[in-house]
């Protein structure tokens, strides 16, 4: 069972989720290029940062299904997290896309700034923002479990990724664990 929430188990997947949430930026950088790094190498690096974390996330979801790492969740209250997409777009995509990548100082500054954003997304629990989820028509909700005997109760807010267009209070469902605070509802 889940014992700890903010010494989060599967924390490495949290980091991969943060990096995978930035995959559109890496795709844009690959298209834009840089005169400092050979084009082929730059494209491979950007493609790796865009694709590998999402593949690892897919692998984690598949593993959770295979080993039946799923938990019952009862919704006491919930919040739609779509507004986080605006934070994501304005805090990350727009400034980084316009960053210069054609001199070493600008390239290094862009990567240091990216490291700061990765830390902030990690620290503020915005690691579930993923373009793949949006393309596959998933929605993201912050769930507040009730304080009962539910294994997730009293553990703080959790994130549910689901295809449901909305949730209702007291809804009971089952979801697979991606990390100790991020779950994806069973889907076919």
Foldseek 3Di string as FASTA:
>chain_A
DDDADVVWPPVVLLLLLLLLLCLVQLVLCLVVDEPVDPNVVSNVVSCCSNPVSVVVLVVLQVVLVVVVQKFKFAFQDKDFPPVVVVVCCVVPRPVLSPQHRYDPVRVVVSVVSVVVVSVVCSVVVVSNNHVVLVVVQKTKMWGQGDQDPGPCHPNDIAIEIENDPDDDHRDIFMFGDSMSRYTYGDDD
